């Protein structure tokens, strides 16, 4: 579980972007490349400590492999 506030913000931005990309038609390989680029940019910019980036990578990979994160929600039918 992430506990550093800055890391949590990066996680939230990344998960929001992944869902947006998925809804726009990008698929698993594209999302993986996006994650790799995002993490590489974090490493290059020294925005986070390396161990926090590694922890973020573990959490975002777990998020990516959970199919429930990319299912479209269906509204309940109106039975009037």
N, C-alpha and C. Protein backbone atom coordinates (compact mmCIF):
# COMPACT_ATOMS: atom_id res chain seq x y z
N UNK A 1 0.84 -1.17 0.00
CA UNK A 1 0.00 0.00 0.00
C UNK A 1 0.89 1.24 0.00
N UNK A 2 0.51 2.18 -0.85
CA UNK A 2 1.25 3.43 -0.93
C UNK A 2 0.89 4.32 0.25
N UNK A 3 1.90 4.98 0.81
CA UNK A 3 1.63 5.85 1.95
C UNK A 3 2.17 7.26 1.77
N UNK A 4 3.11 7.44 0.86
CA UNK A 4 3.66 8.76 0.60
C UNK A 4 2.67 9.56 -0.24
N UNK A 5 2.36 10.79 0.18
CA UNK A 5 1.31 11.57 -0.49
C UNK A 5 1.66 11.90 -1.95
N UNK A 6 2.91 12.19 -2.21
CA UNK A 6 3.31 12.50 -3.59
C UNK A 6 3.17 11.27 -4.47
N UNK A 7 3.57 10.13 -3.95
CA UNK A 7 3.45 8.88 -4.70
C UNK A 7 1.99 8.55 -4.96
N UNK A 8 1.14 8.80 -4.00
CA UNK A 8 -0.29 8.55 -4.17
C UNK A 8 -0.86 9.44 -5.26
N UNK A 9 -0.42 10.69 -5.32
CA UNK A 9 -0.89 11.59 -6.39
C UNK A 9 -0.46 11.09 -7.76
N UNK A 10 0.79 10.62 -7.87
CA UNK A 10 1.24 10.05 -9.14
C UNK A 10 0.41 8.81 -9.49
N UNK A 11 0.12 7.98 -8.52
CA UNK A 11 -0.70 6.79 -8.73
C UNK A 11 -2.09 7.17 -9.24
N UNK A 12 -2.70 8.16 -8.63
CA UNK A 12 -4.03 8.59 -9.05
C UNK A 12 -4.02 9.16 -10.47
N UNK A 13 -3.03 9.96 -10.77
CA UNK A 13 -2.93 10.50 -12.13
C UNK A 13 -2.73 9.39 -13.15
N UNK A 14 -1.90 8.45 -12.80
CA UNK A 14 -1.60 7.35 -13.72
C UNK A 14 -2.80 6.45 -13.93
N UNK A 15 -3.51 6.10 -12.87
CA UNK A 15 -4.69 5.25 -13.03
C UNK A 15 -5.79 5.97 -13.81
N UNK A 16 -5.98 7.26 -13.56
CA UNK A 16 -6.96 8.02 -14.33
C UNK A 16 -6.60 8.03 -15.81
N UNK A 17 -5.32 8.22 -16.11
CA UNK A 17 -4.88 8.23 -17.50
C UNK A 17 -5.06 6.87 -18.15
N UNK A 18 -4.79 5.79 -17.41
CA UNK A 18 -4.95 4.46 -17.97
C UNK A 18 -6.41 4.18 -18.33
N UNK A 19 -7.33 4.53 -17.45
CA UNK A 19 -8.75 4.32 -17.74
C UNK A 19 -9.18 5.17 -18.93
N UNK A 20 -8.71 6.40 -18.99
CA UNK A 20 -9.05 7.26 -20.11
C UNK A 20 -8.52 6.69 -21.43
N UNK A 21 -7.29 6.23 -21.43
CA UNK A 21 -6.72 5.64 -22.64
C UNK A 21 -7.48 4.39 -23.04
N UNK A 22 -7.85 3.56 -22.07
CA UNK A 22 -8.61 2.34 -22.35
C UNK A 22 -9.96 2.69 -23.00
N UNK A 23 -10.62 3.69 -22.45
CA UNK A 23 -11.92 4.09 -22.99
C UNK A 23 -11.81 4.73 -24.38
N UNK A 24 -10.64 5.23 -24.71
CA UNK A 24 -10.43 5.79 -26.05
C UNK A 24 -9.96 4.75 -27.05
N UNK A 25 -9.86 3.50 -26.63
CA UNK A 25 -9.57 2.43 -27.58
C UNK A 25 -8.17 1.85 -27.51
N UNK A 26 -7.32 2.36 -26.66
CA UNK A 26 -5.99 1.79 -26.51
C UNK A 26 -6.11 0.47 -25.76
N UNK A 27 -5.19 -0.44 -26.00
CA UNK A 27 -5.27 -1.75 -25.38
C UNK A 27 -4.08 -2.01 -24.46
N UNK A 28 -4.04 -3.22 -23.95
CA UNK A 28 -3.10 -3.59 -22.89
C UNK A 28 -1.66 -3.23 -23.22
N UNK A 29 -1.18 -3.58 -24.40
CA UNK A 29 0.22 -3.29 -24.76
C UNK A 29 0.49 -1.79 -24.77
N UNK A 30 -0.48 -1.03 -25.25
CA UNK A 30 -0.32 0.42 -25.27
C UNK A 30 -0.25 0.98 -23.85
N UNK A 31 -1.10 0.45 -22.97
CA UNK A 31 -1.10 0.91 -21.58
C UNK A 31 0.21 0.56 -20.89
N UNK A 32 0.74 -0.61 -21.19
CA UNK A 32 2.02 -1.02 -20.59
C UNK A 32 3.14 -0.09 -21.03
N UNK A 33 3.13 0.28 -22.32
CA UNK A 33 4.15 1.21 -22.82
C UNK A 33 4.00 2.58 -22.17
N UNK A 34 2.76 3.01 -21.96
CA UNK A 34 2.51 4.29 -21.30
C UNK A 34 3.07 4.27 -19.88
N UNK A 35 2.81 3.19 -19.16
CA UNK A 35 3.33 3.05 -17.80
C UNK A 35 4.85 3.08 -17.80
N UNK A 36 5.46 2.33 -18.71
CA UNK A 36 6.92 2.29 -18.79
C UNK A 36 7.50 3.68 -19.03
N UNK A 37 6.88 4.44 -19.93
CA UNK A 37 7.34 5.79 -20.20
C UNK A 37 7.15 6.72 -19.02
N UNK A 38 6.03 6.59 -18.35
CA UNK A 38 5.72 7.41 -17.19
C UNK A 38 6.74 7.16 -16.07
N UNK A 39 7.01 5.89 -15.81
CA UNK A 39 7.98 5.55 -14.77
C UNK A 39 9.39 5.97 -15.14
N UNK A 40 9.73 5.85 -16.43
CA UNK A 40 11.05 6.29 -16.89
C UNK A 40 11.20 7.80 -16.69
N UNK A 41 10.14 8.54 -16.96
CA UNK A 41 10.19 9.99 -16.76
C UNK A 41 10.35 10.33 -15.28
N UNK A 42 9.67 9.59 -14.41
CA UNK A 42 9.84 9.82 -12.98
C UNK A 42 11.26 9.53 -12.54
N UNK A 43 11.84 8.46 -13.06
CA UNK A 43 13.23 8.12 -12.70
C UNK A 43 14.19 9.20 -13.19
N UNK A 44 13.96 9.66 -14.39
CA UNK A 44 14.84 10.64 -15.00
C UNK A 44 14.76 12.00 -14.29
N UNK A 45 13.57 12.36 -13.84
CA UNK A 45 13.38 13.66 -13.22
C UNK A 45 13.75 13.69 -11.74
N UNK A 46 14.00 12.53 -11.16
CA UNK A 46 14.29 12.43 -9.74
C UNK A 46 13.18 13.04 -8.87
N UNK A 47 11.94 12.88 -9.33
CA UNK A 47 10.79 13.41 -8.58
C UNK A 47 10.50 12.60 -7.33
N UNK A 48 10.86 11.33 -7.38
CA UNK A 48 10.63 10.42 -6.25
C UNK A 48 11.89 9.63 -5.98
N UNK A 49 11.98 9.15 -4.78
CA UNK A 49 13.08 8.25 -4.43
C UNK A 49 12.91 6.95 -5.22
N UNK A 50 14.00 6.31 -5.59
CA UNK A 50 13.90 5.07 -6.38
C UNK A 50 13.03 3.98 -5.74
N UNK A 51 13.08 3.84 -4.43
CA UNK A 51 12.26 2.80 -3.80
C UNK A 51 10.77 3.14 -3.90
N UNK A 52 10.42 4.44 -3.91
CA UNK A 52 9.03 4.83 -4.08
C UNK A 52 8.55 4.59 -5.51
N UNK A 53 9.43 4.81 -6.47
CA UNK A 53 9.08 4.53 -7.87
C UNK A 53 8.88 3.03 -8.04
N UNK A 54 9.72 2.23 -7.43
CA UNK A 54 9.56 0.77 -7.50
C UNK A 54 8.23 0.34 -6.88
N UNK A 55 7.88 0.93 -5.76
CA UNK A 55 6.60 0.60 -5.09
C UNK A 55 5.42 1.03 -5.96
N UNK A 56 5.53 2.21 -6.58
CA UNK A 56 4.50 2.69 -7.50
C UNK A 56 4.36 1.74 -8.68
N UNK A 57 5.47 1.26 -9.19
CA UNK A 57 5.42 0.32 -10.31
C UNK A 57 4.70 -0.97 -9.92
N UNK A 58 4.96 -1.47 -8.72
CA UNK A 58 4.27 -2.67 -8.26
C UNK A 58 2.77 -2.45 -8.17
N UNK A 59 2.38 -1.33 -7.60
CA UNK A 59 0.95 -1.04 -7.42
C UNK A 59 0.24 -0.80 -8.74
N UNK A 60 0.89 -0.09 -9.65
CA UNK A 60 0.25 0.20 -10.92
C UNK A 60 0.16 -1.05 -11.79
N UNK A 61 1.12 -1.95 -11.66
CA UNK A 61 1.06 -3.22 -12.38
C UNK A 61 -0.09 -4.06 -11.84
N UNK A 62 -0.27 -4.06 -10.55
CA UNK A 62 -1.41 -4.76 -9.94
C UNK A 62 -2.72 -4.18 -10.46
N UNK A 63 -2.79 -2.86 -10.55
CA UNK A 63 -3.99 -2.19 -11.07
C UNK A 63 -4.25 -2.59 -12.52
N UNK A 64 -3.19 -2.62 -13.31
CA UNK A 64 -3.32 -2.94 -14.74
C UNK A 64 -3.83 -4.36 -14.97
N UNK A 65 -3.40 -5.30 -14.15
CA UNK A 65 -3.79 -6.69 -14.35
C UNK A 65 -5.15 -7.04 -13.73
N UNK A 66 -5.80 -6.10 -13.09
CA UNK A 66 -7.13 -6.33 -12.53
C UNK A 66 -8.17 -5.89 -13.57
N UNK A 67 -8.83 -6.83 -14.23
CA UNK A 67 -9.75 -6.47 -15.31
C UNK A 67 -10.94 -5.64 -14.84
N UNK A 68 -11.29 -5.70 -13.58
CA UNK A 68 -12.44 -4.93 -13.09
C UNK A 68 -12.19 -3.43 -13.16
N UNK A 69 -10.95 -3.01 -13.26
CA UNK A 69 -10.65 -1.59 -13.34
C UNK A 69 -10.99 -0.99 -14.70
N UNK A 70 -11.20 -1.84 -15.70
CA UNK A 70 -11.43 -1.35 -17.06
C UNK A 70 -12.80 -1.74 -17.60
N UNK A 71 -13.66 -2.25 -16.74
CA UNK A 71 -15.02 -2.57 -17.16
C UNK A 71 -15.86 -1.31 -17.12
N UNK A 72 -16.71 -1.19 -18.11
CA UNK A 72 -17.63 -0.05 -18.11
C UNK A 72 -18.76 -0.34 -17.15
N UNK A 73 -19.10 0.64 -16.38
CA UNK A 73 -20.21 0.47 -15.45
C UNK A 73 -21.52 0.66 -16.21
N UNK A 74 -22.48 -0.17 -15.87
CA UNK A 74 -23.78 -0.06 -16.50
C UNK A 74 -24.76 0.52 -15.50
N UNK A 75 -25.54 1.47 -15.98
CA UNK A 75 -26.53 2.05 -15.08
C UNK A 75 -27.68 1.07 -14.90
N UNK A 76 -28.36 1.21 -13.79
CA UNK A 76 -29.48 0.31 -13.52
C UNK A 76 -30.66 0.68 -14.41
N UNK A 77 -31.37 -0.33 -14.92
CA UNK A 77 -32.52 -0.02 -15.78
C UNK A 77 -33.64 0.65 -15.00
N UNK A 78 -34.36 1.47 -15.69
CA UNK A 78 -35.48 2.17 -15.07
C UNK A 78 -36.75 1.37 -15.29
N UNK A 79 -37.31 0.82 -14.22
CA UNK A 79 -38.49 -0.04 -14.32
C UNK A 79 -39.78 0.70 -13.94
N UNK A 80 -40.02 1.80 -14.52
CA UNK A 80 -41.25 2.55 -14.20
C UNK A 80 -42.37 2.17 -15.11
